[in-house]
Amino acid sequence: MSTDYKDLAAWQYAMRLVREVYGCTRSFPREELFGLRSQMRRAAVSIASNIAEGKGRYSQKELLQFLYKARGSLLELETQLCIAHDLAYVDDTGNRALSTSVLAVMRTLNGLIKRFQNEIRTVS
C-alpha cells in the first residue's frame, strides 16, 4: 500500500475544498470570527488531515477509521454550510459551488472507504 496520501483523489479534492472554504468564509461577519467561520475552517482542514493521517497508518483497518472520521467532518462541514447559507453568510452561487465540492469529496471518499472495506473483508 502506497503511503503517499497526495496521490489520493479524495485528498486532492479535500484540499481544494479547504481553499474554497477559506475563501468563502473571509467575508463572514466579524462576530463569526471564532464561531461558524472557525468551525467551518476546522472541519474542512480535518477532512484532508484525516485522509493523510489514515494513509500513513500501518494497517488498512486503521486507515478505514480515519476515512470514517474524514467523512464525519465532511458531513459536519456540509451542515455548517447549510447554516451559513440560512444566515445569508453564503449566497446561492457560493452555496452551490461549495455543495458541488462537498459532493465531489463525498463521492471519492465513499469510493475509497468501499475499496478498503472490500479489501479487509477479502483478507479476513
PDB file of N, CA and C in Angstrom:
ATOM      1  N   MET A   1       0.856  -1.174   0.000  1.00  0.00           N
ATOM      2  CA  MET A   1       0.000   0.000   0.000  1.00  0.00           C
ATOM      3  C   MET A   1       0.904   1.240   0.000  1.00  0.00           C
ATOM      4  N   SER A   2       0.715   2.092  -0.990  1.00  0.00           N
ATOM      5  CA  SER A   2       1.482   3.330  -1.078  1.00  0.00           C
ATOM      6  C   SER A   2       1.155   4.230   0.115  1.00  0.00           C
ATOM      7  N   THR A   3       2.152   4.925   0.622  1.00  0.00           N
ATOM      8  CA  THR A   3       1.902   5.813   1.757  1.00  0.00           C
ATOM      9  C   THR A   3       1.771   7.266   1.328  1.00  0.00           C
ATOM     10  N   ASP A   4       1.811   7.550   0.033  1.00  0.00           N
ATOM     11  CA  ASP A   4       1.714   8.931  -0.404  1.00  0.00           C
ATOM     12  C   ASP A   4       0.256   9.343  -0.544  1.00  0.00           C
ATOM     13  N   TYR A   5      -0.233   9.973   0.492  1.00  0.00           N
ATOM     14  CA  TYR A   5      -1.622  10.418   0.532  1.00  0.00           C
ATOM     15  C   TYR A   5      -1.919  11.456  -0.547  1.00  0.00           C
ATOM     16  N   LYS A   6      -0.893  12.154  -1.014  1.00  0.00           N
ATOM     17  CA  LYS A   6      -1.100  13.199  -2.020  1.00  0.00           C
ATOM     18  C   LYS A   6      -1.564  12.637  -3.358  1.00  0.00           C
ATOM     19  N   ASP A   7      -1.391  11.339  -3.547  1.00  0.00           N
ATOM     20  CA  ASP A   7      -1.845  10.694  -4.786  1.00  0.00           C
ATOM     21  C   ASP A   7      -3.339  10.383  -4.766  1.00  0.00           C
ATOM     22  N   LEU A   8      -3.963  10.453  -3.610  1.00  0.00           N
ATOM     23  CA  LEU A   8      -5.379  10.112  -3.492  1.00  0.00           C
ATOM     24  C   LEU A   8      -6.256  11.246  -3.996  1.00  0.00           C
ATOM     25  N   ALA A   9      -7.181  10.921  -4.892  1.00  0.00           N
ATOM     26  CA  ALA A   9      -8.115  11.928  -5.409  1.00  0.00           C
ATOM     27  C   ALA A   9      -8.934  12.535  -4.273  1.00  0.00           C
ATOM     28  N   ALA A  10      -9.303  11.728  -3.290  1.00  0.00           N
ATOM     29  CA  ALA A  10     -10.096  12.230  -2.163  1.00  0.00           C
ATOM     30  C   ALA A  10      -9.335  13.326  -1.417  1.00  0.00           C
ATOM     31  N   TRP A  11      -8.042  13.134  -1.203  1.00  0.00           N
ATOM     32  CA  TRP A  11      -7.226  14.141  -0.525  1.00  0.00           C
ATOM     33  C   TRP A  11      -7.108  15.397  -1.388  1.00  0.00           C
ATOM     34  N   GLN A  12      -6.904  15.220  -2.684  1.00  0.00           N
ATOM     35  CA  GLN A  12      -6.776  16.361  -3.592  1.00  0.00           C
ATOM     36  C   GLN A  12      -8.057  17.190  -3.620  1.00  0.00           C
ATOM     37  N   TYR A  13      -9.210  16.522  -3.696  1.00  0.00           N
ATOM     38  CA  TYR A  13     -10.489  17.235  -3.663  1.00  0.00           C
ATOM     39  C   TYR A  13     -10.692  17.916  -2.313  1.00  0.00           C
ATOM     40  N   ALA A  14     -10.283  17.241  -1.245  1.00  0.00           N
ATOM     41  CA  ALA A  14     -10.423  17.819   0.097  1.00  0.00           C
ATOM     42  C   ALA A  14      -9.568  19.073   0.239  1.00  0.00           C
ATOM     43  N   MET A  15      -8.382  19.065  -0.336  1.00  0.00           N
ATOM     44  CA  MET A  15      -7.519  20.241  -0.280  1.00  0.00           C
ATOM     45  C   MET A  15      -8.130  21.405  -1.062  1.00  0.00           C
ATOM     46  N   ARG A  16      -8.740  21.101  -2.183  1.00  0.00           N
ATOM     47  CA  ARG A  16      -9.417  22.151  -2.944  1.00  0.00           C
ATOM     48  C   ARG A  16     -10.580  22.715  -2.135  1.00  0.00           C
ATOM     49  N   LEU A  17     -11.298  21.836  -1.446  1.00  0.00           N
ATOM     50  CA  LEU A  17     -12.409  22.263  -0.606  1.00  0.00           C
ATOM     51  C   LEU A  17     -11.921  23.180   0.521  1.00  0.00           C
ATOM     52  N   VAL A  18     -10.776  22.874   1.112  1.00  0.00           N
ATOM     53  CA  VAL A  18     -10.204  23.729   2.157  1.00  0.00           C
ATOM     54  C   VAL A  18     -10.002  25.145   1.619  1.00  0.00           C
ATOM     55  N   ARG A  19      -9.391  25.239   0.443  1.00  0.00           N
ATOM     56  CA  ARG A  19      -9.146  26.560  -0.146  1.00  0.00           C
ATOM     57  C   ARG A  19     -10.456  27.299  -0.410  1.00  0.00           C
ATOM     58  N   GLU A  20     -11.459  26.574  -0.880  1.00  0.00           N
ATOM     59  CA  GLU A  20     -12.752  27.191  -1.160  1.00  0.00           C
ATOM     60  C   GLU A  20     -13.436  27.672   0.124  1.00  0.00           C
ATOM     61  N   VAL A  21     -13.360  26.866   1.165  1.00  0.00           N
ATOM     62  CA  VAL A  21     -13.976  27.239   2.442  1.00  0.00           C
ATOM     63  C   VAL A  21     -13.278  28.475   3.015  1.00  0.00           C
ATOM     64  N   TYR A  22     -11.957  28.500   2.970  1.00  0.00           N
ATOM     65  CA  TYR A  22     -11.235  29.671   3.467  1.00  0.00           C
ATOM     66  C   TYR A  22     -11.622  30.917   2.674  1.00  0.00           C
ATOM     67  N   GLY A  23     -11.728  30.784   1.364  1.00  0.00           N
ATOM     68  CA  GLY A  23     -12.119  31.925   0.536  1.00  0.00           C
ATOM     69  C   GLY A  23     -13.528  32.397   0.844  1.00  0.00           C
ATOM     70  N   CYS A  24     -14.435  31.470   0.982  1.00  0.00           N
ATOM     71  CA  CYS A  24     -15.838  31.784   1.246  1.00  0.00           C
ATOM     72  C   CYS A  24     -16.031  32.433   2.601  1.00  0.00           C
ATOM     73  N   THR A  25     -15.321  31.973   3.597  1.00  0.00           N
ATOM     74  CA  THR A  25     -15.546  32.454   4.966  1.00  0.00           C
ATOM     75  C   THR A  25     -14.844  33.780   5.265  1.00  0.00           C
ATOM     76  N   ARG A  26     -14.008  34.253   4.347  1.00  0.00           N
ATOM     77  CA  ARG A  26     -13.346  35.550   4.549  1.00  0.00           C
ATOM     78  C   ARG A  26     -14.347  36.684   4.729  1.00  0.00           C
ATOM     79  N   SER A  27     -15.483  36.553   4.068  1.00  0.00           N
ATOM     80  CA  SER A  27     -16.468  37.646   4.097  1.00  0.00           C
ATOM     81  C   SER A  27     -17.504  37.494   5.219  1.00  0.00           C
ATOM     82  N   PHE A  28     -17.349  36.492   6.066  1.00  0.00           N
ATOM     83  CA  PHE A  28     -18.284  36.319   7.173  1.00  0.00           C
ATOM     84  C   PHE A  28     -18.210  37.522   8.113  1.00  0.00           C
ATOM     85  N   PRO A  29     -19.295  37.818   8.812  1.00  0.00           N
ATOM     86  CA  PRO A  29     -19.279  38.937   9.758  1.00  0.00           C
ATOM     87  C   PRO A  29     -18.209  38.747  10.837  1.00  0.00           C
ATOM     88  N   ARG A  30     -17.736  39.847  11.348  1.00  0.00           N
ATOM     89  CA  ARG A  30     -16.680  39.830  12.361  1.00  0.00           C
ATOM     90  C   ARG A  30     -17.066  39.008  13.591  1.00  0.00           C
ATOM     91  N   GLU A  31     -18.352  39.047  13.959  1.00  0.00           N
ATOM     92  CA  GLU A  31     -18.778  38.297  15.149  1.00  0.00           C
ATOM     93  C   GLU A  31     -18.677  36.779  14.952  1.00  0.00           C
ATOM     94  N   GLU A  32     -18.493  36.341  13.716  1.00  0.00           N
ATOM     95  CA  GLU A  32     -18.332  34.904  13.432  1.00  0.00           C
ATOM     96  C   GLU A  32     -16.864  34.472  13.377  1.00  0.00           C
ATOM     97  N   LEU A  33     -15.966  35.388  13.690  1.00  0.00           N
ATOM     98  CA  LEU A  33     -14.541  35.094  13.631  1.00  0.00           C
ATOM     99  C   LEU A  33     -14.186  33.822  14.399  1.00  0.00           C
ATOM    100  N   PHE A  34     -14.759  33.656  15.592  1.00  0.00           N
ATOM    101  CA  PHE A  34     -14.463  32.480  16.410  1.00  0.00           C
ATOM    102  C   PHE A  34     -15.649  31.525  16.496  1.00  0.00           C
ATOM    103  N   GLY A  35     -16.651  31.756  15.675  1.00  0.00           N
ATOM    104  CA  GLY A  35     -17.847  30.921  15.664  1.00  0.00           C
ATOM    105  C   GLY A  35     -17.887  30.049  14.421  1.00  0.00           C
ATOM    106  N   LEU A  36     -18.884  30.277  13.612  1.00  0.00           N
ATOM    107  CA  LEU A  36     -19.133  29.440  12.432  1.00  0.00           C
ATOM    108  C   LEU A  36     -17.951  29.451  11.462  1.00  0.00           C
ATOM    109  N   ARG A  37     -17.353  30.595  11.271  1.00  0.00           N
ATOM    110  CA  ARG A  37     -16.203  30.689  10.359  1.00  0.00           C
ATOM    111  C   ARG A  37     -15.086  29.744  10.802  1.00  0.00           C
ATOM    112  N   SER A  38     -14.758  29.797  12.071  1.00  0.00           N
ATOM    113  CA  SER A  38     -13.703  28.948  12.616  1.00  0.00           C
ATOM    114  C   SER A  38     -14.080  27.468  12.532  1.00  0.00           C
ATOM    115  N   GLN A  39     -15.324  27.153  12.840  1.00  0.00           N
ATOM    116  CA  GLN A  39     -15.773  25.752  12.798  1.00  0.00           C
ATOM    117  C   GLN A  39     -15.705  25.195  11.383  1.00  0.00           C
ATOM    118  N   MET A  40     -16.137  25.988  10.404  1.00  0.00           N
ATOM    119  CA  MET A  40     -16.111  25.526   9.015  1.00  0.00           C
ATOM    120  C   MET A  40     -14.679  25.281   8.550  1.00  0.00           C
ATOM    121  N   ARG A  41     -13.803  26.179   8.912  1.00  0.00           N
ATOM    122  CA  ARG A  41     -12.404  26.022   8.513  1.00  0.00           C
ATOM    123  C   ARG A  41     -11.778  24.796   9.174  1.00  0.00           C
ATOM    124  N   ARG A  42     -12.058  24.605  10.455  1.00  0.00           N
ATOM    125  CA  ARG A  42     -11.506  23.430  11.159  1.00  0.00           C
ATOM    126  C   ARG A  42     -12.037  22.130  10.572  1.00  0.00           C
ATOM    127  N   ALA A  43     -13.328  22.104  10.256  1.00  0.00           N
ATOM    128  CA  ALA A  43     -13.918  20.888   9.680  1.00  0.00           C
ATOM    129  C   ALA A  43     -13.283  20.576   8.330  1.00  0.00           C
ATOM    130  N   ALA A  44     -13.110  21.600   7.502  1.00  0.00           N
ATOM    131  CA  ALA A  44     -12.512  21.392   6.175  1.00  0.00           C
ATOM    132  C   ALA A  44     -11.083  20.880   6.295  1.00  0.00           C
ATOM    133  N   VAL A  45     -10.309  21.488   7.182  1.00  0.00           N
ATOM    134  CA  VAL A  45      -8.927  21.051   7.395  1.00  0.00           C
ATOM    135  C   VAL A  45      -8.900  19.621   7.930  1.00  0.00           C
ATOM    136  N   SER A  46      -9.849  19.284   8.781  1.00  0.00           N
ATOM    137  CA  SER A  46      -9.914  17.953   9.373  1.00  0.00           C
ATOM    138  C   SER A  46     -10.140  16.864   8.329  1.00  0.00           C
ATOM    139  N   ILE A  47     -10.895  17.174   7.300  1.00  0.00           N
ATOM    140  CA  ILE A  47     -11.167  16.180   6.253  1.00  0.00           C
ATOM    141  C   ILE A  47      -9.858  15.761   5.595  1.00  0.00           C
ATOM    142  N   ALA A  48      -9.122  16.732   5.074  1.00  0.00           N
ATOM    143  CA  ALA A  48      -7.852  16.424   4.399  1.00  0.00           C
ATOM    144  C   ALA A  48      -6.843  15.809   5.368  1.00  0.00           C
ATOM    145  N   SER A  49      -6.807  16.326   6.588  1.00  0.00           N
ATOM    146  CA  SER A  49      -5.848  15.836   7.583  1.00  0.00           C
ATOM    147  C   SER A  49      -6.102  14.379   7.959  1.00  0.00           C
ATOM    148  N   ASN A  50      -7.360  14.009   8.119  1.00  0.00           N
ATOM    149  CA  ASN A  50      -7.680  12.624   8.474  1.00  0.00           C
ATOM    150  C   ASN A  50      -7.380  11.660   7.335  1.00  0.00           C
ATOM    151  N   ILE A  51      -7.591  12.096   6.107  1.00  0.00           N
ATOM    152  CA  ILE A  51      -7.229  11.241   4.967  1.00  0.00           C
ATOM    153  C   ILE A  51      -5.723  11.009   4.979  1.00  0.00           C
ATOM    154  N   ALA A  52      -4.959  12.073   5.161  1.00  0.00           N
ATOM    155  CA  ALA A  52      -3.496  11.962   5.185  1.00  0.00           C
ATOM    156  C   ALA A  52      -3.019  11.098   6.351  1.00  0.00           C
ATOM    157  N   GLU A  53      -3.567  11.344   7.535  1.00  0.00           N
ATOM    158  CA  GLU A  53      -3.136  10.573   8.697  1.00  0.00           C
ATOM    159  C   GLU A  53      -3.476   9.099   8.533  1.00  0.00           C
ATOM    160  N   GLY A  54      -4.653   8.811   8.034  1.00  0.00           N
ATOM    161  CA  GLY A  54      -5.044   7.421   7.823  1.00  0.00           C
ATOM    162  C   GLY A  54      -4.143   6.716   6.826  1.00  0.00           C
ATOM    163  N   LYS A  55      -3.771   7.434   5.783  1.00  0.00           N
ATOM    164  CA  LYS A  55      -2.903   6.840   4.755  1.00  0.00           C
ATOM    165  C   LYS A  55      -1.526   6.518   5.318  1.00  0.00           C
ATOM    166  N   GLY A  56      -1.124   7.237   6.351  1.00  0.00           N
ATOM    167  CA  GLY A  56       0.174   6.985   6.965  1.00  0.00           C
ATOM    168  C   GLY A  56       0.168   5.883   8.008  1.00  0.00           C
ATOM    169  N   ARG A  57      -0.983   5.320   8.296  1.00  0.00           N
ATOM    170  CA  ARG A  57      -1.071   4.258   9.296  1.00  0.00           C
ATOM    171  C   ARG A  57      -0.571   2.940   8.727  1.00  0.00           C
ATOM    172  N   TYR A  58      -0.394   1.965   9.616  1.00  0.00           N
ATOM    173  CA  TYR A  58       0.218   0.703   9.224  1.00  0.00           C
ATOM    174  C   TYR A  58      -0.757  -0.344   8.725  1.00  0.00           C
ATOM    175  N   SER A  59      -2.023  -0.173   8.996  1.00  0.00           N
ATOM    176  CA  SER A  59      -2.976  -1.187   8.539  1.00  0.00           C
ATOM    177  C   SER A  59      -4.154  -0.539   7.838  1.00  0.00           C
ATOM    178  N   GLN A  60      -4.825  -1.326   7.033  1.00  0.00           N
ATOM    179  CA  GLN A  60      -5.998  -0.822   6.324  1.00  0.00           C
ATOM    180  C   GLN A  60      -7.153  -0.562   7.282  1.00  0.00           C
ATOM    181  N   LYS A  61      -7.224  -1.329   8.367  1.00  0.00           N
ATOM    182  CA  LYS A  61      -8.270  -1.081   9.362  1.00  0.00           C
ATOM    183  C   LYS A  61      -8.099   0.289   9.999  1.00  0.00           C
ATOM    184  N   GLU A  62      -6.855   0.652  10.308  1.00  0.00           N
ATOM    185  CA  GLU A  62      -6.589   1.980  10.864  1.00  0.00           C
ATOM    186  C   GLU A  62      -6.924   3.065   9.843  1.00  0.00           C
ATOM    187  N   LEU A  63      -6.514   2.836   8.606  1.00  0.00           N
ATOM    188  CA  LEU A  63      -6.828   3.786   7.534  1.00  0.00           C
ATOM    189  C   LEU A  63      -8.329   3.996   7.443  1.00  0.00           C
ATOM    190  N   LEU A  64      -9.072   2.917   7.482  1.00  0.00           N
ATOM    191  CA  LEU A  64     -10.526   2.990   7.379  1.00  0.00           C
ATOM    192  C   LEU A  64     -11.121   3.840   8.504  1.00  0.00           C
ATOM    193  N   GLN A  65     -10.608   3.708   9.719  1.00  0.00           N
ATOM    194  CA  GLN A  65     -11.108   4.520  10.839  1.00  0.00           C
ATOM    195  C   GLN A  65     -10.910   6.015  10.577  1.00  0.00           C
ATOM    196  N   PHE A  66      -9.782   6.374  10.001  1.00  0.00           N
ATOM    197  CA  PHE A  66      -9.532   7.786   9.705  1.00  0.00           C
ATOM    198  C   PHE A  66     -10.375   8.268   8.528  1.00  0.00           C
ATOM    199  N   LEU A  67     -10.669   7.381   7.589  1.00  0.00           N
ATOM    200  CA  LEU A  67     -11.560   7.757   6.484  1.00  0.00           C
ATOM    201  C   LEU A  67     -12.973   7.998   7.012  1.00  0.00           C
ATOM    202  N   TYR A  68     -13.389   7.209   7.981  1.00  0.00           N
ATOM    203  CA  TYR A  68     -14.692   7.446   8.625  1.00  0.00           C
ATOM    204  C   TYR A  68     -14.711   8.811   9.327  1.00  0.00           C
ATOM    205  N   LYS A  69     -13.607   9.143   9.997  1.00  0.00           N
ATOM    206  CA  LYS A  69     -13.521  10.448  10.666  1.00  0.00           C
ATOM    207  C   LYS A  69     -13.586  11.579   9.642  1.00  0.00           C
ATOM    208  N   ALA A  70     -12.901  11.384   8.516  1.00  0.00           N
ATOM    209  CA  ALA A  70     -12.927  12.396   7.456  1.00  0.00           C
ATOM    210  C   ALA A  70     -14.350  12.585   6.936  1.00  0.00           C
ATOM    211  N   ARG A  71     -15.068  11.481   6.770  1.00  0.00           N
ATOM    212  CA  ARG A  71     -16.457  11.571   6.300  1.00  0.00           C
ATOM    213  C   ARG A  71     -17.333  12.280   7.328  1.00  0.00           C
ATOM    214  N   GLY A  72     -17.096  12.021   8.597  1.00  0.00           N
ATOM    215  CA  GLY A  72     -17.840  12.710   9.646  1.00  0.00           C
ATOM    216  C   GLY A  72     -17.588  14.208   9.603  1.00  0.00           C
ATOM    217  N   SER A  73     -16.338  14.600   9.412  1.00  0.00           N
ATOM    218  CA  SER A  73     -16.003  16.024   9.311  1.00  0.00           C
ATOM    219  C   SER A  73     -16.626  16.646   8.067  1.00  0.00           C
ATOM    220  N   LEU A  74     -16.704  15.886   7.007  1.00  0.00           N
ATOM    221  CA  LEU A  74     -17.326  16.378   5.778  1.00  0.00           C
ATOM    222  C   LEU A  74     -18.815  16.639   5.992  1.00  0.00           C
ATOM    223  N   LEU A  75     -19.483  15.744   6.689  1.00  0.00           N
ATOM    224  CA  LEU A  75     -20.905  15.934   6.989  1.00  0.00           C
ATOM    225  C   LEU A  75     -21.101  17.106   7.944  1.00  0.00           C
ATOM    226  N   GLU A  76     -20.166  17.279   8.862  1.00  0.00           N
ATOM    227  CA  GLU A  76     -20.195  18.430   9.761  1.00  0.00           C
ATOM    228  C   GLU A  76     -20.087  19.725   8.943  1.00  0.00           C
ATOM    229  N   LEU A  77     -19.145  19.760   8.012  1.00  0.00           N
ATOM    230  CA  LEU A  77     -18.970  20.936   7.163  1.00  0.00           C
ATOM    231  C   LEU A  77     -20.210  21.193   6.307  1.00  0.00           C
ATOM    232  N   GLU A  78     -20.793  20.139   5.787  1.00  0.00           N
ATOM    233  CA  GLU A  78     -21.993  20.291   4.968  1.00  0.00           C
ATOM    234  C   GLU A  78     -23.126  20.937   5.785  1.00  0.00           C
ATOM    235  N   THR A  79     -23.278  20.522   7.018  1.00  0.00           N
ATOM    236  CA  THR A  79     -24.291  21.104   7.913  1.00  0.00           C
ATOM    237  C   THR A  79     -23.978  22.569   8.192  1.00  0.00           C
ATOM    238  N   GLN A  80     -22.721  22.861   8.451  1.00  0.00           N
ATOM    239  CA  GLN A  80     -22.321  24.239   8.716  1.00  0.00           C
ATOM    240  C   GLN A  80     -22.538  25.131   7.497  1.00  0.00           C
ATOM    241  N   LEU A  81     -22.343  24.571   6.317  1.00  0.00           N
ATOM    242  CA  LEU A  81     -22.614  25.314   5.090  1.00  0.00           C
ATOM    243  C   LEU A  81     -24.105  25.644   4.979  1.00  0.00           C
ATOM    244  N   CYS A  82     -24.955  24.688   5.341  1.00  0.00           N
ATOM    245  CA  CYS A  82     -26.403  24.943   5.353  1.00  0.00           C
ATOM    246  C   CYS A  82     -26.744  26.085   6.307  1.00  0.00           C
ATOM    247  N   ILE A  83     -26.115  26.073   7.471  1.00  0.00           N
ATOM    248  CA  ILE A  83     -26.352  27.129   8.456  1.00  0.00           C
ATOM    249  C   ILE A  83     -25.886  28.472   7.907  1.00  0.00           C
ATOM    250  N   ALA A  84     -24.691  28.491   7.332  1.00  0.00           N
ATOM    251  CA  ALA A  84     -24.148  29.738   6.778  1.00  0.00           C
ATOM    252  C   ALA A  84     -25.043  30.272   5.665  1.00  0.00           C
ATOM    253  N   HIS A  85     -25.585  29.396   4.858  1.00  0.00           N
ATOM    254  CA  HIS A  85     -26.494  29.814   3.785  1.00  0.00           C
ATOM    255  C   HIS A  85     -27.792  30.335   4.375  1.00  0.00           C
ATOM    256  N   ASP A  86     -28.340  29.643   5.362  1.00  0.00           N
ATOM    257  CA  ASP A  86     -29.583  30.087   6.011  1.00  0.00           C
ATOM    258  C   ASP A  86     -29.425  31.455   6.672  1.00  0.00           C
ATOM    259  N   LEU A  87     -28.233  31.738   7.196  1.00  0.00           N
ATOM    260  CA  LEU A  87     -27.968  33.020   7.839  1.00  0.00           C
ATOM    261  C   LEU A  87     -27.550  34.110   6.835  1.00  0.00           C
ATOM    262  N   ALA A  88     -27.544  33.734   5.549  1.00  0.00           N
ATOM    263  CA  ALA A  88     -27.176  34.642   4.439  1.00  0.00           C
ATOM    264  C   ALA A  88     -25.706  35.072   4.493  1.00  0.00           C
ATOM    265  N   TYR A  89     -24.849  34.245   5.083  1.00  0.00           N
ATOM    266  CA  TYR A  89     -23.411  34.496   5.044  1.00  0.00           C
ATOM    267  C   TYR A  89     -22.822  34.008   3.725  1.00  0.00           C
ATOM    268  N   VAL A  90     -23.516  33.036   3.110  1.00  0.00           N
ATOM    269  CA  VAL A  90     -23.109  32.477   1.822  1.00  0.00           C
ATOM    270  C   VAL A  90     -24.285  32.649   0.876  1.00  0.00           C
ATOM    271  N   ASP A  91     -24.027  33.230  -0.286  1.00  0.00           N
ATOM    272  CA  ASP A  91     -25.111  33.423  -1.249  1.00  0.00           C
ATOM    273  C   ASP A  91     -25.387  32.122  -2.013  1.00  0.00           C
ATOM    274  N   ASP A  92     -26.414  32.143  -2.845  1.00  0.00           N
ATOM    275  CA  ASP A  92     -26.813  30.934  -3.576  1.00  0.00           C
ATOM    276  C   ASP A  92     -25.694  30.397  -4.462  1.00  0.00           C
ATOM    277  N   THR A  93     -24.986  31.293  -5.133  1.00  0.00           N
ATOM    278  CA  THR A  93     -23.894  30.866  -6.015  1.00  0.00           C
ATOM    279  C   THR A  93     -22.779  30.194  -5.224  1.00  0.00           C
ATOM    280  N   GLY A  94     -22.381  30.807  -4.130  1.00  0.00           N
ATOM    281  CA  GLY A  94     -21.342  30.221  -3.278  1.00  0.00           C
ATOM    282  C   GLY A  94     -21.777  28.908  -2.671  1.00  0.00           C
ATOM    283  N   ASN A  95     -23.039  28.843  -2.281  1.00  0.00           N
ATOM    284  CA  ASN A  95     -23.583  27.615  -1.701  1.00  0.00           C
ATOM    285  C   ASN A  95     -23.550  26.472  -2.711  1.00  0.00           C
ATOM    286  N   ARG A  96     -23.949  26.762  -3.943  1.00  0.00           N
ATOM    287  CA  ARG A  96     -23.931  25.729  -4.988  1.00  0.00           C
ATOM    288  C   ARG A  96     -22.507  25.253  -5.260  1.00  0.00           C
ATOM    289  N   ALA A  97     -21.579  26.207  -5.349  1.00  0.00           N
ATOM    290  CA  ALA A  97     -20.185  25.849  -5.626  1.00  0.00           C
ATOM    291  C   ALA A  97     -19.600  24.985  -4.511  1.00  0.00           C
ATOM    292  N   LEU A  98     -19.808  25.392  -3.274  1.00  0.00           N
ATOM    293  CA  LEU A  98     -19.287  24.611  -2.149  1.00  0.00           C
ATOM    294  C   LEU A  98     -19.984  23.261  -2.040  1.00  0.00           C
ATOM    295  N   SER A  99     -21.276  23.229  -2.289  1.00  0.00           N
ATOM    296  CA  SER A  99     -22.014  21.959  -2.240  1.00  0.00           C
ATOM    297  C   SER A  99     -21.510  20.991  -3.296  1.00  0.00           C
ATOM    298  N   THR A 100     -21.166  21.505  -4.465  1.00  0.00           N
ATOM    299  CA  THR A 100     -20.600  20.665  -5.523  1.00  0.00           C
ATOM    300  C   THR A 100     -19.262  20.085  -5.090  1.00  0.00           C
ATOM    301  N   SER A 101     -18.445  20.896  -4.444  1.00  0.00           N
ATOM    302  CA  SER A 101     -17.148  20.414  -3.954  1.00  0.00           C
ATOM    303  C   SER A 101     -17.306  19.400  -2.834  1.00  0.00           C
ATOM    304  N   VAL A 102     -18.258  19.650  -1.941  1.00  0.00           N
ATOM    305  CA  VAL A 102     -18.546  18.691  -0.862  1.00  0.00           C
ATOM    306  C   VAL A 102     -18.950  17.350  -1.467  1.00  0.00           C
ATOM    307  N   LEU A 103     -19.799  17.390  -2.480  1.00  0.00           N
ATOM    308  CA  LEU A 103     -20.251  16.161  -3.135  1.00  0.00           C
ATOM    309  C   LEU A 103     -19.089  15.421  -3.798  1.00  0.00           C
ATOM    310  N   ALA A 104     -18.183  16.148  -4.422  1.00  0.00           N
ATOM    311  CA  ALA A 104     -17.015  15.510  -5.054  1.00  0.00           C
ATOM    312  C   ALA A 104     -16.154  14.798  -4.023  1.00  0.00           C
ATOM    313  N   VAL A 105     -15.943  15.447  -2.889  1.00  0.00           N
ATOM    314  CA  VAL A 105     -15.160  14.812  -1.822  1.00  0.00           C
ATOM    315  C   VAL A 105     -15.910  13.592  -1.297  1.00  0.00           C
ATOM    316  N   MET A 106     -17.212  13.726  -1.094  1.00  0.00           N
ATOM    317  CA  MET A 106     -18.014  12.616  -0.562  1.00  0.00           C
ATOM    318  C   MET A 106     -17.956  11.402  -1.483  1.00  0.00           C
ATOM    319  N   ARG A 107     -18.116  11.639  -2.758  1.00  0.00           N
ATOM    320  CA  ARG A 107     -18.082  10.512  -3.715  1.00  0.00           C
ATOM    321  C   ARG A 107     -16.744   9.790  -3.694  1.00  0.00           C
ATOM    322  N   THR A 108     -15.655  10.553  -3.752  1.00  0.00           N
ATOM    323  CA  THR A 108     -14.346   9.897  -3.780  1.00  0.00           C
ATOM    324  C   THR A 108     -14.023   9.250  -2.439  1.00  0.00           C
ATOM    325  N   LEU A 109     -14.424   9.889  -1.364  1.00  0.00           N
ATOM    326  CA  LEU A 109     -14.187   9.328  -0.036  1.00  0.00           C
ATOM    327  C   LEU A 109     -14.987   8.044   0.157  1.00  0.00           C
ATOM    328  N   ASN A 110     -16.243   8.050  -0.247  1.00  0.00           N
ATOM    329  CA  ASN A 110     -17.058   6.832  -0.142  1.00  0.00           C
ATOM    330  C   ASN A 110     -16.482   5.706  -0.991  1.00  0.00           C
ATOM    331  N   GLY A 111     -15.973   6.050  -2.166  1.00  0.00           N
ATOM    332  CA  GLY A 111     -15.342   5.035  -3.015  1.00  0.00           C
ATOM    333  C   GLY A 111     -14.117   4.435  -2.355  1.00  0.00           C
ATOM    334  N   LEU A 112     -13.332   5.277  -1.740  1.00  0.00           N
ATOM    335  CA  LEU A 112     -12.133   4.821  -1.037  1.00  0.00           C
ATOM    336  C   LEU A 112     -12.508   3.936   0.149  1.00  0.00           C
ATOM    337  N   ILE A 113     -13.523   4.341   0.885  1.00  0.00           N
ATOM    338  CA  ILE A 113     -13.991   3.546   2.028  1.00  0.00           C
ATOM    339  C   ILE A 113     -14.461   2.175   1.560  1.00  0.00           C
ATOM    340  N   LYS A 114     -15.267   2.131   0.514  1.00  0.00           N
ATOM    341  CA  LYS A 114     -15.752   0.845  -0.004  1.00  0.00           C
ATOM    342  C   LYS A 114     -14.603  -0.040  -0.460  1.00  0.00           C
ATOM    343  N   ARG A 115     -13.616   0.575  -1.114  1.00  0.00           N
ATOM    344  CA  ARG A 115     -12.460  -0.194  -1.588  1.00  0.00           C
ATOM    345  C   ARG A 115     -11.742  -0.872  -0.426  1.00  0.00           C
ATOM    346  N   PHE A 116     -11.480  -0.117   0.629  1.00  0.00           N
ATOM    347  CA  PHE A 116     -10.740  -0.694   1.759  1.00  0.00           C
ATOM    348  C   PHE A 116     -11.612  -1.628   2.592  1.00  0.00           C
ATOM    349  N   GLN A 117     -12.909  -1.384   2.652  1.00  0.00           N
ATOM    350  CA  GLN A 117     -13.807  -2.326   3.329  1.00  0.00           C
ATOM    351  C   GLN A 117     -13.775  -3.669   2.610  1.00  0.00           C
ATOM    352  N   ASN A 118     -13.822  -3.631   1.284  1.00  0.00           N
ATOM    353  CA  ASN A 118     -13.777  -4.871   0.494  1.00  0.00           C
ATOM    354  C   ASN A 118     -12.440  -5.588   0.640  1.00  0.00           C
ATOM    355  N   GLU A 119     -11.357  -4.831   0.649  1.00  0.00           N
ATOM    356  CA  GLU A 119     -10.041  -5.452   0.815  1.00  0.00           C
ATOM    357  C   GLU A 119      -9.903  -6.107   2.184  1.00  0.00           C
ATOM    358  N   ILE A 120     -10.445  -5.463   3.210  1.00  0.00           N
ATOM    359  CA  ILE A 120     -10.384  -6.025   4.564  1.00  0.00           C
ATOM    360  C   ILE A 120     -11.217  -7.300   4.634  1.00  0.00           C
ATOM    361  N   ARG A 121     -12.402  -7.296   4.021  1.00  0.00           N
ATOM    362  CA  ARG A 121     -13.263  -8.493   4.008  1.00  0.00           C
ATOM    363  C   ARG A 121     -12.588  -9.637   3.285  1.00  0.00           C
ATOM    364  N   THR A 122     -11.892  -9.348   2.194  1.00  0.00           N
ATOM    365  CA  THR A 122     -11.228 -10.377   1.402  1.00  0.00           C
ATOM    366  C   THR A 122     -10.100 -11.021   2.192  1.00  0.00           C
ATOM    367  N   VAL A 123      -9.367 -10.219   2.962  1.00  0.00           N
ATOM    368  CA  VAL A 123      -8.239 -10.720   3.739  1.00  0.00           C
ATOM    369  C   VAL A 123      -8.718 -11.521   4.953  1.00  0.00           C
ATOM    370  N   SER A 124      -9.844 -11.091   5.554  1.00  0.00           N
ATOM    371  CA  SER A 124     -10.329 -11.724   6.788  1.00  0.00           C
ATOM    372  C   SER A 124     -10.865 -13.105   6.575  1.00  0.00           C
TER     373      SER A 124
END
